[in-house]
Amino acid sequence: MDAQEYKRKRKREGSLVMNKDVYGLLGDLTAEVLLEIIAECMDDYLYVFDLQNNKMEISQSALDRFMISETHMRNAKQEIMSAVYEEDRTMIAKHMQAVMDGKEKVHDIHYRWLDKNGLPVWVNCRGVVIDDEDGKPGYLVGCLNETGNQRRADNVTGLLGGMEFCAYLRSQKKPVTTGFLMHIGIDDFAAVNGTHGSNYGDYVLKSVADCMKECLSGNQRLYHLIADQYVIVDLDSTSMDDAIQLKKKIGEKIDEFIISEKYEVVFSVSAGVIDASTVAEGYEECRKKFEFSLKKAKQMGKNNIYFYRQEEYERFQRNGRIISALRNSIANGCEGFEVYYQPIVDCVSGRVIGAEALMRYTMVTEEGKEWLSPVEFIPLLEKTGLIIPAGRFVLNEAAKMCREIQQYIPEFKVNVNISYYQIEHGKIADKILAAVRDNGLTPDCICIEMTESGFMDMTPAFCKFRKVLEENRIQFVIDDFGTGYSNLHCISDMNPGYVKIDKDFTAKAMSCERDYELFKKIIEMVHSIGIRICVEGIEKEDWHLKMKELQADYLQGYFFGKPCEKRKFMEEFVCNPHNNGV
């Protein structure tokens, strides 16, 4: 049955019975006939892809437009791949395999087809998968429409959007060697919407766009990306000073708008700037870099401009990889995390009386395993909130280890470092009490270490935390004393079990007479208010002897032992009979 015959049949019999299933419909009509009928009503290129037989029917108009040999393709996969732009073939092949395997039921992808001249044309290919009676993918039915030639402006600002911005960058025939891309974001735009409503927020978006348009020269283009973000493209400028001046002009125009609104709303914009030559690296890389630059500008504070720096971007990318690895490790039972222990000794006898539990992490990469410094990964744990499960892992491991060692050293204690994030968000006090209870320890066996500078932040959560520790007789230790405020009055109020003098302070005192006298006075003052002292950073025997003269209580440092894994700690400092003094 050809198309004309079908039309005559439909005219005779009336409209189609709508409850007929799709398989019956396709049984009555060939895909070719269906396409001819429907294509008369649309500008899109329609297709039916027989997945099991690798056949495809597509609108005749597609044959005239693209690099395909016929509308009825008997080797559809090969034919289509030859028409797809080379850079997009891997992506399409991967997606189509997922469709064939039944993993994807919807097809909606932007990519490029080659026209009759061999030039790439951006298209949006959409379709749905129709299964056969056995539930296997049978047909992919859909349409393909061109997007590269459409100039779409959003309804709020009237500016062209991200797709057109991308198309413009890709249209550059020659390598871009001059100019800049400026990624602009409104500072605290969420507060504008929250206070004044979305309608007024749209008004602000439109007004900001108008302000920026007034500042542009003839060689500059402005696009509205998403929400409160815009991008200005200047491919001709030879100096980054031009970007600074443009940002200044935009700021002045926005100030004029704010005044005209009688300060109904007050805001500023920040800008991240990258060299336009980055366009040669591809759109995705270009986008990543100018998004990074805007983020850095906002981190600097409001109304700032940031110029892209490669070394900071690489650090940002590395942090992203580390965060991803940390998340995976946490999800897999803290895989890759270890607890190392450094001995704490009695100053007079040199006997091991405890240890500080220290978090260590090994990241799995494509190249293998990489040991990360705590200086690098712990701030990222705190930034992401992952410090809560990671800190809980360290706490539980340290408590178990303490219980085990007490079989050999009954007075043994373990120190665990706690961050302020854990106090504010992690209900850490409950976790500490549970670790003590579950391991059959007395409360004084766990010492909680926090840095000196943190004691200035007397938040309600912190005060509650301190009260719980005091009520349950859990020792509190001030770490890194000497690097912060060194406020004796504050220390007296906190009433810690003892304070730990920072290793850098110790090293200075051991190499400079003036610093040594200061060091000596601090020990005397801390002792005068009835608080004990642990000196960190003891690396030499004569340093140990000086600490005895100064009557320090406890010592910690490489002279006694470096941080090490539990097994090695047990061998060297617990089960070793020479652990009776240094």
Protein backbone atom coordinates (compact mmCIF):
# COMPACT_ATOMS: atom_id res chain seq x y z
CA MET A 1 0.00 0.00 0.00
CA ASP A 2 1.53 3.31 -1.10
CA ALA A 3 0.77 6.73 0.38
CA GLN A 4 -1.91 7.66 -2.19
CA GLU A 5 -3.73 4.39 -1.81
CA TYR A 6 -3.69 4.81 1.99
CA LYS A 7 -5.19 8.28 1.69
CA ARG A 8 -8.00 6.98 -0.52
CA LYS A 9 -8.63 4.13 1.94
CA ARG A 10 -8.75 6.57 4.89
CA LYS A 11 -11.18 8.81 3.02
CA ARG A 12 -13.47 5.84 2.38
CA GLU A 13 -13.32 4.36 5.89
CA GLY A 14 -13.09 7.50 7.98
CA SER A 15 -10.50 8.18 10.62
CA LEU A 16 -8.25 5.50 12.06
CA VAL A 17 -9.40 3.52 15.04
CA MET A 18 -7.37 5.13 17.86
CA ASN A 19 -7.21 2.09 20.09
CA LYS A 20 -5.15 0.13 17.55
CA ASP A 21 -1.76 -0.72 18.98
CA VAL A 22 1.41 0.53 17.34
CA TYR A 23 2.42 -2.91 16.13
CA GLY A 24 -0.86 -3.24 14.24
CA LEU A 25 -0.38 0.16 12.73
CA LEU A 26 3.11 -0.66 11.55
CA GLY A 27 1.79 -3.91 10.23
CA ASP A 28 -0.73 -2.11 8.00
CA LEU A 29 1.59 0.61 6.86
CA THR A 30 5.24 0.67 6.03
CA ALA A 31 7.45 3.20 7.79
CA GLU A 32 7.93 4.88 4.44
CA VAL A 33 4.20 5.52 4.07
CA LEU A 34 3.88 6.84 7.63
CA LEU A 35 6.79 9.21 7.15
CA GLU A 36 5.37 10.62 3.95
CA ILE A 37 2.02 11.29 5.59
CA ILE A 38 3.32 12.90 8.78
CA ALA A 39 6.20 14.78 7.13
CA GLU A 40 3.70 16.88 5.22
CA CYS A 41 2.75 18.53 8.53
CA MET A 42 6.22 19.20 9.93
CA ASP A 43 9.57 20.80 9.20
CA ASP A 44 11.46 18.22 11.27
CA TYR A 45 13.13 15.18 9.76
CA LEU A 46 11.16 12.10 10.84
CA TYR A 47 12.61 8.63 11.19
CA VAL A 48 11.79 5.06 12.14
CA PHE A 49 14.78 2.93 13.07
CA ASP A 50 14.27 -0.85 12.93
CA LEU A 51 16.78 -1.77 15.65
CA GLN A 52 16.67 -5.52 15.17
CA ASN A 53 17.14 -5.48 11.41
CA ASN A 54 19.42 -2.41 11.27
CA LYS A 55 17.09 -0.60 8.85
CA MET A 56 15.95 3.00 8.91
CA GLU A 57 13.42 5.17 7.12
CA ILE A 58 13.93 8.95 7.22
CA SER A 59 12.19 11.91 5.60
CA GLN A 60 13.08 12.61 1.98
CA SER A 61 14.07 16.17 2.93
CA ALA A 62 16.90 14.74 5.05
CA LEU A 63 18.41 13.20 1.92
CA ASP A 64 18.55 16.65 0.35
CA ARG A 65 20.11 18.21 3.45
CA PHE A 66 22.57 15.72 4.89
CA MET A 67 25.32 13.41 3.77
CA ILE A 68 23.17 10.28 3.45
CA SER A 69 22.73 8.27 0.27
CA GLU A 70 19.04 7.27 0.55
CA THR A 71 16.00 7.59 2.78
CA HIS A 72 15.68 3.82 3.10
CA MET A 73 18.87 2.63 4.82
CA ARG A 74 19.59 -1.09 4.86
CA ASN A 75 22.79 -0.71 6.88
CA ALA A 76 21.55 2.08 9.11
CA LYS A 77 24.31 2.10 11.73
CA GLN A 78 27.07 2.53 9.17
CA GLU A 79 25.09 5.02 7.09
CA ILE A 80 24.23 7.22 10.07
CA MET A 81 27.76 7.12 11.48
CA SER A 82 29.13 8.33 8.15
CA ALA A 83 26.77 11.31 8.39
CA VAL A 84 27.70 12.18 12.00
CA TYR A 85 30.49 14.67 12.67
CA GLU A 86 33.65 12.72 13.60
CA GLU A 87 34.05 14.23 17.11
CA ASP A 88 30.52 13.10 18.04
CA ARG A 89 30.66 9.52 16.75
CA THR A 90 31.95 7.93 19.96
CA MET A 91 29.18 9.55 22.01
CA ILE A 92 26.48 8.46 19.55
CA ALA A 93 27.84 4.91 19.29
CA LYS A 94 27.82 4.58 23.08
CA HIS A 95 24.26 5.87 23.38
CA MET A 96 22.92 3.71 20.54
CA GLN A 97 24.47 0.64 22.09
CA ALA A 98 22.62 1.47 25.32
CA VAL A 99 19.39 1.74 23.29
CA MET A 100 20.05 -1.62 21.60
CA ASP A 101 20.73 -3.21 24.99
CA GLY A 102 17.46 -1.89 26.40
CA LYS A 103 19.21 0.39 28.90
CA GLU A 104 17.85 3.62 27.34
CA LYS A 105 14.20 4.04 26.39
CA VAL A 106 14.38 7.70 25.39
CA HIS A 107 16.65 9.27 22.78
CA ASP A 108 17.30 13.02 23.20
CA ILE A 109 20.78 14.17 22.17
CA HIS A 110 22.38 17.29 20.70
CA TYR A 111 25.16 16.53 18.23
CA ARG A 112 26.30 17.32 14.69
CA TRP A 113 25.41 15.89 11.29
CA LEU A 114 27.36 16.66 8.11
CA ASP A 115 25.50 18.56 5.41
CA LYS A 116 25.96 17.97 1.68
CA ASN A 117 29.03 20.23 1.77
CA GLY A 118 30.63 18.25 4.60
CA LEU A 119 30.05 21.03 7.16
CA PRO A 120 28.74 20.20 10.66
CA VAL A 121 25.14 21.15 11.49
CA TRP A 122 23.91 21.05 15.08
CA VAL A 123 20.79 18.92 15.49
CA ASN A 124 18.56 17.74 18.30
CA CYS A 125 17.64 14.10 17.72
CA ARG A 126 14.69 12.87 19.78
CA GLY A 127 12.88 9.56 19.86
CA VAL A 128 11.32 6.79 21.92
CA VAL A 129 12.00 3.07 21.91
CA ILE A 130 9.14 0.69 21.11
CA ASP A 131 9.66 -2.84 22.39
CA ASP A 132 8.55 -5.96 20.54
CA GLU A 133 6.28 -8.63 21.97
CA ASP A 134 9.22 -10.19 23.80
CA GLY A 135 10.08 -6.92 25.54
CA LYS A 136 13.19 -6.35 23.42
CA PRO A 137 13.94 -3.00 21.71
CA GLY A 138 12.21 -3.12 18.33
CA TYR A 139 11.94 0.39 16.91
CA LEU A 140 13.33 3.83 17.65
CA VAL A 141 10.78 6.36 16.40
CA GLY A 142 11.33 10.09 16.46
CA CYS A 143 12.37 13.28 14.75
CA LEU A 144 15.48 15.31 14.10
CA ASN A 145 15.53 19.10 13.97
CA GLU A 146 18.26 21.62 13.32
CA THR A 147 19.28 23.90 16.18
CA GLY A 148 22.42 25.53 14.87
CA ASN A 149 20.55 27.96 12.66
CA GLN A 150 17.95 28.96 15.22
CA ARG A 151 18.54 32.16 17.16
CA ARG A 152 16.73 31.70 20.45
CA ALA A 153 16.30 34.60 22.86
CA ASP A 154 15.01 34.04 26.37
CA ASN A 155 11.76 35.68 27.44
CA VAL A 156 13.28 37.51 30.43
CA THR A 157 16.30 39.38 29.09
CA GLY A 158 15.76 39.15 25.35
CA LEU A 159 19.35 37.90 25.01
CA LEU A 160 20.55 34.86 23.11
CA GLY A 161 21.28 31.88 25.34
CA GLY A 162 23.90 29.24 25.96
CA MET A 163 23.25 27.25 22.80
CA GLU A 164 23.85 30.29 20.61
CA PHE A 165 26.93 31.20 22.65
CA CYS A 166 28.28 27.71 22.02
CA ALA A 167 27.44 27.91 18.31
CA TYR A 168 29.18 31.28 18.02
CA LEU A 169 32.38 29.94 19.56
CA ARG A 170 32.33 26.87 17.32
CA SER A 171 31.79 29.05 14.25
CA GLN A 172 35.20 30.69 14.59
CA LYS A 173 37.10 29.55 11.51
CA LYS A 174 40.50 30.90 12.52
CA PRO A 175 42.28 30.25 15.83
CA VAL A 176 41.39 32.97 18.34
CA THR A 177 44.57 34.74 19.48
CA THR A 178 43.24 37.87 21.18
CA GLY A 179 40.39 38.97 23.39
CA PHE A 180 38.65 37.64 26.47
CA LEU A 181 35.52 35.96 27.75
CA MET A 182 33.96 37.58 30.81
CA HIS A 183 31.62 35.41 32.88
CA ILE A 184 29.38 37.67 34.98
CA GLY A 185 27.20 36.68 37.92
CA ILE A 186 24.91 38.76 40.13
CA ASP A 187 26.07 38.64 43.75
CA ASP A 188 23.48 37.19 46.16
CA PHE A 189 20.76 37.06 43.53
CA ALA A 190 18.91 34.44 45.58
CA ALA A 191 18.39 37.11 48.25
CA VAL A 192 16.77 39.38 45.64
CA ASN A 193 14.29 36.67 44.68
CA GLY A 194 13.72 35.70 48.29
CA THR A 195 13.00 39.23 49.45
CA HIS A 196 11.14 40.69 46.47
CA GLY A 197 9.76 37.67 44.61
CA SER A 198 10.54 36.08 41.27
CA ASN A 199 8.75 38.73 39.19
CA TYR A 200 10.96 41.48 40.57
CA GLY A 201 13.92 39.10 40.18
CA ASP A 202 13.13 38.81 36.46
CA TYR A 203 12.97 42.59 36.30
CA VAL A 204 16.47 42.77 37.83
CA LEU A 205 17.79 40.19 35.34
CA LYS A 206 16.41 42.25 32.45
CA SER A 207 17.76 45.49 33.90
CA VAL A 208 21.24 44.05 34.43
CA ALA A 209 21.22 42.84 30.82
CA ASP A 210 20.23 46.34 29.67
CA CYS A 211 23.00 47.89 31.79
CA MET A 212 25.58 45.61 30.23
CA LYS A 213 24.33 46.19 26.68
CA GLU A 214 24.85 49.95 27.17
CA CYS A 215 28.50 49.29 28.01
CA LEU A 216 29.35 47.13 24.99
CA SER A 217 31.25 48.21 21.92
CA GLY A 218 30.44 46.98 18.42
CA ASN A 219 32.89 44.08 18.61
CA GLN A 220 31.48 42.62 21.83
CA ARG A 221 28.68 40.09 22.23
CA LEU A 222 26.47 39.43 25.26
CA TYR A 223 24.69 36.16 26.09
CA HIS A 224 22.43 35.13 28.96
CA LEU A 225 23.48 31.69 30.16
CA ILE A 226 21.44 30.52 33.15
CA ALA A 227 19.62 32.33 35.97
CA ASP A 228 21.84 35.22 37.10
CA GLN A 229 24.79 34.47 34.83
CA TYR A 230 25.89 36.17 31.61
CA VAL A 231 28.91 36.03 29.37
CA ILE A 232 30.52 38.79 27.30
CA VAL A 233 32.67 37.78 24.35
CA ASP A 234 35.37 40.10 23.03
CA LEU A 235 37.61 38.51 20.40
CA ASP A 236 39.43 41.71 19.43
CA SER A 237 40.79 43.20 22.63
CA THR A 238 44.57 43.10 23.05
CA SER A 239 44.73 43.95 26.75
CA MET A 240 43.15 42.59 29.91
CA ASP A 241 42.95 46.22 31.03
CA ASP A 242 40.01 46.44 28.63
CA ALA A 243 38.22 43.80 30.72
CA ILE A 244 38.88 45.77 33.90
CA GLN A 245 37.48 48.94 32.36
CA LEU A 246 34.43 47.10 31.03
CA LYS A 247 33.72 45.61 34.46
CA LYS A 248 34.03 49.09 35.97
CA LYS A 249 31.59 50.59 33.44
CA ILE A 250 29.08 47.81 34.09
CA GLY A 251 29.34 48.41 37.83
CA GLU A 252 28.68 52.13 37.35
CA LYS A 253 25.60 51.44 35.19
CA ILE A 254 24.23 49.03 37.78
CA ASP A 255 24.77 51.64 40.50
CA GLU A 256 22.72 54.10 38.40
CA PHE A 257 19.94 51.50 38.14
CA ILE A 258 19.98 50.93 41.93
CA ILE A 259 19.70 54.68 42.54
CA SER A 260 16.84 54.98 40.03
CA GLU A 261 15.04 52.24 41.97
CA LYS A 262 15.50 54.31 45.14
CA TYR A 263 17.57 51.50 46.64
CA GLU A 264 14.67 49.08 46.55
CA VAL A 265 17.34 46.48 45.98
CA VAL A 266 21.12 46.73 46.37
CA PHE A 267 23.46 44.31 44.61
CA SER A 268 26.67 44.06 42.66
CA VAL A 269 28.16 41.75 40.04
CA SER A 270 31.35 39.71 40.02
CA ALA A 271 33.25 38.61 36.94
CA GLY A 272 35.61 35.82 36.00
CA VAL A 273 37.80 36.46 32.96
CA ILE A 274 39.64 34.00 30.72
CA ASP A 275 41.78 34.56 27.66
CA ALA A 276 39.73 34.07 24.49
CA SER A 277 42.46 31.83 23.06
CA THR A 278 41.02 29.16 25.38
CA VAL A 279 38.29 28.71 22.74
CA ALA A 280 40.80 26.60 20.79
CA GLU A 281 40.67 24.00 23.60
CA GLY A 282 37.02 23.27 22.87
CA TYR A 283 33.76 24.57 24.25
CA GLU A 284 33.60 22.28 27.29
CA GLU A 285 37.06 23.22 28.50
CA CYS A 286 36.30 26.86 27.82
CA ARG A 287 33.10 26.63 29.87
CA LYS A 288 34.83 24.90 32.78
CA LYS A 289 37.50 27.57 32.97
CA PHE A 290 35.23 30.61 32.88
CA GLU A 291 32.87 28.99 35.42
CA PHE A 292 35.87 28.37 37.66
CA SER A 293 36.95 31.99 37.24
CA LEU A 294 33.55 33.36 38.26
CA LYS A 295 33.53 31.07 41.28
CA LYS A 296 36.94 32.40 42.34
CA ALA A 297 35.75 35.99 41.86
CA LYS A 298 32.79 35.37 44.16
CA GLN A 299 35.02 33.71 46.75
CA MET A 300 37.09 36.90 46.84
CA GLY A 301 33.99 38.80 47.95
CA LYS A 302 31.32 40.85 46.24
CA ASN A 303 31.92 43.12 43.24
CA ASN A 304 35.23 41.47 42.31
CA ILE A 305 36.98 40.45 39.11
CA TYR A 306 39.25 37.42 38.79
CA PHE A 307 41.63 36.62 35.96
CA TYR A 308 42.15 32.94 35.24
CA ARG A 309 45.36 31.34 36.55
CA GLN A 310 46.34 27.91 35.31
CA GLU A 311 47.99 26.77 38.55
CA GLU A 312 44.89 27.62 40.60
CA TYR A 313 42.67 25.85 38.08
CA GLU A 314 44.82 22.72 38.28
CA ARG A 315 44.59 22.85 42.07
CA PHE A 316 40.81 23.22 41.77
CA GLN A 317 40.63 20.21 39.46
CA ARG A 318 42.82 18.16 41.76
CA ASN A 319 40.63 19.07 44.72
CA GLY A 320 37.64 17.90 42.71
CA ARG A 321 39.30 14.55 42.03
CA ILE A 322 40.25 14.18 45.69
CA ILE A 323 36.71 15.00 46.85
CA SER A 324 35.32 12.41 44.45
CA ALA A 325 37.78 9.81 45.77
CA LEU A 326 36.92 10.70 49.37
CA ARG A 327 33.20 10.27 48.69
CA ASN A 328 33.80 6.86 47.13
CA SER A 329 35.98 5.83 50.05
CA ILE A 330 33.37 6.88 52.61
CA ALA A 331 30.66 5.05 50.64
CA ASN A 332 32.80 1.89 50.76
CA GLY A 333 33.24 1.73 54.50
CA CYS A 334 36.08 4.30 54.72
CA GLU A 335 38.23 2.28 52.36
CA GLY A 336 41.62 3.97 51.95
CA PHE A 337 41.47 5.63 55.38
CA GLU A 338 43.89 4.55 58.10
CA VAL A 339 44.62 5.64 61.63
CA TYR A 340 48.25 6.30 62.54
CA TYR A 341 49.45 6.72 66.12
CA GLN A 342 52.26 8.88 67.53
CA PRO A 343 53.46 8.16 71.05
CA ILE A 344 53.05 10.63 73.90
CA VAL A 345 55.59 10.06 76.65
CA ASP A 346 56.10 11.08 80.26
CA CYS A 347 58.77 13.81 80.30
CA VAL A 348 60.69 12.45 83.29
CA SER A 349 60.65 8.71 82.61
CA GLY A 350 60.26 8.68 78.85
CA ARG A 351 57.61 5.98 79.19
CA VAL A 352 54.77 5.84 76.65
CA ILE A 353 51.57 6.87 78.41
CA GLY A 354 49.37 7.49 75.38
CA ALA A 355 49.18 8.29 71.69
CA GLU A 356 47.64 10.82 69.34
CA ALA A 357 45.38 9.23 66.70
CA LEU A 358 46.03 10.78 63.29
CA MET A 359 43.97 10.35 60.14
CA ARG A 360 45.75 9.15 56.99
CA TYR A 361 44.39 8.59 53.50
CA THR A 362 45.54 6.83 50.32
CA MET A 363 43.69 7.81 47.13
CA VAL A 364 43.18 5.31 44.34
CA THR A 365 43.86 6.83 40.90
CA GLU A 366 44.15 5.51 37.36
CA GLU A 367 47.91 5.51 37.83
CA GLY A 368 47.71 3.57 41.09
CA LYS A 369 47.61 4.61 44.74
CA GLU A 370 48.65 8.05 45.95
CA TRP A 371 49.30 8.92 49.59
CA LEU A 372 47.85 12.32 50.43
CA SER A 373 49.08 14.72 53.07
CA PRO A 374 46.54 15.52 55.81
CA VAL A 375 47.17 19.19 55.02
CA GLU A 376 45.62 18.53 51.61
CA PHE A 377 42.70 16.21 52.29
CA ILE A 378 41.44 17.16 55.78
CA PRO A 379 40.32 20.70 54.74
CA LEU A 380 38.38 19.05 51.88
CA LEU A 381 36.74 16.65 54.31
CA GLU A 382 35.61 19.62 56.39
CA LYS A 383 34.50 21.60 53.34
CA THR A 384 32.28 18.76 52.12
CA GLY A 385 31.04 17.57 55.50
CA LEU A 386 32.71 14.20 54.95
CA ILE A 387 34.72 14.87 58.10
CA ILE A 388 31.71 13.58 60.05
CA PRO A 389 31.84 9.92 58.85
CA ALA A 390 35.64 10.01 58.49
CA GLY A 391 36.07 11.43 62.00
CA ARG A 392 33.68 8.81 63.39
CA PHE A 393 35.86 6.11 61.77
CA VAL A 394 39.01 7.49 63.45
CA LEU A 395 37.25 7.81 66.82
CA ASN A 396 36.01 4.21 66.80
CA GLU A 397 39.34 2.81 65.61
CA ALA A 398 41.23 4.80 68.27
CA ALA A 399 38.89 3.62 71.04
CA LYS A 400 39.31 -0.03 70.01
CA MET A 401 43.08 0.40 69.86
CA CYS A 402 43.13 2.03 73.32
CA ARG A 403 41.26 -0.88 74.84
CA GLU A 404 43.68 -3.34 73.28
CA ILE A 405 46.79 -1.52 74.49
CA GLN A 406 45.45 -1.19 78.04
CA GLN A 407 46.11 -4.89 78.42
CA TYR A 408 49.80 -3.98 78.37
CA ILE A 409 49.76 -0.36 79.60
CA PRO A 410 46.77 0.05 81.95
CA GLU A 411 47.07 3.87 82.16
CA PHE A 412 47.22 4.27 78.37
CA LYS A 413 45.12 7.07 76.85
CA VAL A 414 44.40 8.05 73.26
CA ASN A 415 44.00 11.58 71.90
CA VAL A 416 41.49 12.19 69.08
CA ASN A 417 41.32 15.42 67.06
CA ILE A 418 37.87 16.98 66.64
CA SER A 419 36.96 19.78 64.24
CA TYR A 420 34.41 22.52 64.80
CA TYR A 421 32.39 21.22 61.88
CA GLN A 422 31.89 17.95 63.77
CA ILE A 423 30.68 19.87 66.82
CA GLU A 424 28.29 22.07 64.86
CA HIS A 425 26.85 19.39 62.57
CA GLY A 426 27.91 15.90 63.60
CA LYS A 427 26.54 15.31 67.12
CA ILE A 428 30.08 14.30 68.00
CA ALA A 429 29.53 14.32 71.77
CA ASP A 430 27.11 11.39 71.46
CA LYS A 431 29.60 9.55 69.23
CA ILE A 432 32.40 10.00 71.79
CA LEU A 433 30.27 8.68 74.64
CA ALA A 434 29.21 5.71 72.49
CA ALA A 435 32.84 4.89 71.60
CA VAL A 436 33.78 4.94 75.30
CA ARG A 437 30.80 2.79 76.26
CA ASP A 438 31.05 0.29 73.40
CA ASN A 439 34.74 -0.42 74.09
CA GLY A 440 34.43 -0.71 77.85
CA LEU A 441 36.69 2.29 78.53
CA THR A 442 36.67 4.72 81.41
CA PRO A 443 35.88 8.30 80.25
CA ASP A 444 39.35 9.63 81.05
CA CYS A 445 40.90 7.25 78.48
CA ILE A 446 39.73 9.43 75.57
CA CYS A 447 41.26 12.90 75.25
CA ILE A 448 39.66 15.29 72.77
CA GLU A 449 42.08 17.65 71.02
CA MET A 450 41.08 20.98 69.48
CA THR A 451 43.22 23.83 68.19
CA GLU A 452 43.82 26.90 70.33
CA SER A 453 42.35 29.35 67.82
CA GLY A 454 39.05 27.54 67.89
CA PHE A 455 38.41 28.36 71.52
CA MET A 456 37.58 31.91 70.57
CA ASP A 457 34.43 30.65 68.80
CA MET A 458 32.21 30.17 71.83
CA THR A 459 29.12 29.12 69.89
CA PRO A 460 26.11 27.56 71.66
CA ALA A 461 26.96 24.20 70.06
CA PHE A 462 30.53 24.39 71.34
CA CYS A 463 29.46 25.37 74.85
CA LYS A 464 27.03 22.46 74.94
CA PHE A 465 29.78 20.14 73.71
CA ARG A 466 32.18 21.29 76.44
CA LYS A 467 29.48 20.80 79.08
CA VAL A 468 28.86 17.21 77.95
CA LEU A 469 32.60 16.44 78.13
CA GLU A 470 32.89 17.93 81.63
CA GLU A 471 29.81 16.09 82.92
CA ASN A 472 31.17 12.79 81.61
CA ARG A 473 34.78 13.37 82.78
CA ILE A 474 36.25 13.29 79.28
CA GLN A 475 39.51 15.23 79.03
CA PHE A 476 39.78 18.24 76.79
CA VAL A 477 43.17 19.16 75.30
CA ILE A 478 44.15 22.46 73.67
CA ASP A 479 46.32 21.73 70.64
CA ASP A 480 48.84 23.98 68.84
CA PHE A 481 49.21 26.34 71.81
CA GLY A 482 51.44 29.26 70.90
CA THR A 483 50.18 29.72 67.35
CA GLY A 484 47.03 31.64 68.23
CA TYR A 485 45.90 33.96 70.94
CA SER A 486 47.73 32.31 73.85
CA ASN A 487 45.19 33.85 76.21
CA LEU A 488 45.83 32.44 79.71
CA HIS A 489 42.54 33.78 81.03
CA CYS A 490 40.66 31.93 78.30
CA ILE A 491 42.63 28.75 78.94
CA SER A 492 41.86 28.96 82.64
CA ASP A 493 38.14 29.28 81.89
CA MET A 494 38.25 26.29 79.54
CA ASN A 495 40.02 24.19 82.20
CA PRO A 496 41.63 21.68 79.80
CA GLY A 497 43.30 18.47 80.89
CA TYR A 498 46.50 19.93 79.44
CA VAL A 499 47.74 22.11 76.59
CA LYS A 500 50.06 21.07 73.77
CA ILE A 501 52.73 23.56 72.70
CA ASP A 502 53.01 23.71 68.92
CA LYS A 503 56.05 22.04 67.34
CA ASP A 504 57.02 25.17 65.39
CA PHE A 505 57.13 27.16 68.63
CA THR A 506 59.31 24.43 70.13
CA ALA A 507 61.74 24.47 67.19
CA LYS A 508 62.14 28.27 67.46
CA ALA A 509 62.81 28.03 71.19
CA MET A 510 65.49 25.39 70.64
CA SER A 511 67.37 27.58 68.15
CA CYS A 512 66.99 31.08 69.59
CA GLU A 513 67.81 32.20 73.13
CA ARG A 514 65.19 34.93 73.10
CA ASP A 515 62.45 32.50 71.98
CA TYR A 516 63.68 29.98 74.56
CA GLU A 517 63.17 32.50 77.37
CA LEU A 518 59.65 33.21 76.11
CA PHE A 519 59.01 29.48 75.86
CA LYS A 520 60.19 29.06 79.46
CA LYS A 521 57.92 31.84 80.72
CA ILE A 522 54.88 30.35 78.99
CA ILE A 523 55.45 26.98 80.64
CA GLU A 524 55.77 28.70 84.00
CA MET A 525 52.57 30.72 83.47
CA VAL A 526 50.52 27.71 82.33
CA HIS A 527 51.74 25.70 85.30
CA SER A 528 50.91 28.63 87.59
CA ILE A 529 47.19 28.21 86.79
CA GLY A 530 47.35 24.48 87.50
CA ILE A 531 47.35 23.17 83.93
CA ARG A 532 49.77 20.55 82.59
CA ILE A 533 51.82 20.90 79.40
CA CYS A 534 52.70 18.57 76.54
CA VAL A 535 55.52 19.84 74.32
CA GLU A 536 55.33 18.79 70.66
CA GLY A 537 58.17 18.64 68.15
CA ILE A 538 60.90 17.06 70.32
CA GLU A 539 63.43 15.83 67.75
CA LYS A 540 66.74 15.57 69.62
CA GLU A 541 67.97 14.15 72.90
CA ASP A 542 69.24 17.51 74.17
CA TRP A 543 65.79 18.95 73.52
CA HIS A 544 64.41 16.24 75.77
CA LEU A 545 66.90 17.16 78.48
CA LYS A 546 65.93 20.84 78.26
CA MET A 547 62.25 19.91 78.64
CA LYS A 548 63.14 18.03 81.82
CA GLU A 549 64.81 21.21 83.12
CA LEU A 550 61.67 23.19 82.28
CA GLN A 551 59.54 20.56 84.01
CA ALA A 552 57.24 19.83 81.10
CA ASP A 553 54.72 17.07 81.83
CA TYR A 554 54.46 15.20 78.53
CA LEU A 555 56.44 15.13 75.30
CA GLN A 556 55.74 14.22 71.70
CA GLY A 557 58.02 14.22 68.65
CA TYR A 558 60.18 12.29 66.22
CA PHE A 559 62.82 11.66 68.88
CA PHE A 560 60.37 9.30 70.56
CA GLY A 561 58.60 8.08 67.45
CA LYS A 562 56.96 9.10 64.19
CA PRO A 563 53.27 8.46 63.51
CA CYS A 564 52.83 4.87 62.38
CA GLU A 565 50.15 2.27 61.73
CA LYS A 566 48.67 0.29 64.61
CA ARG A 567 50.69 -2.89 64.04
CA LYS A 568 54.01 -1.06 64.06
CA PHE A 569 52.99 1.01 67.08
CA MET A 570 52.19 -2.15 69.01
CA GLU A 571 55.51 -3.71 68.09
CA GLU A 572 57.69 -0.69 68.86
CA PHE A 573 55.99 0.99 71.78
CA VAL A 574 53.72 -1.52 73.50
CA CYS A 575 55.06 -5.04 73.24
CA ASN A 576 58.71 -3.91 73.17
CA PRO A 577 60.37 -4.40 76.60
CA HIS A 578 62.56 -1.36 75.95
CA ASN A 579 59.49 0.84 76.30
CA ASN A 580 60.47 1.67 79.83
CA GLY A 581 62.12 4.98 79.08
CA VAL A 582 64.24 6.66 76.46
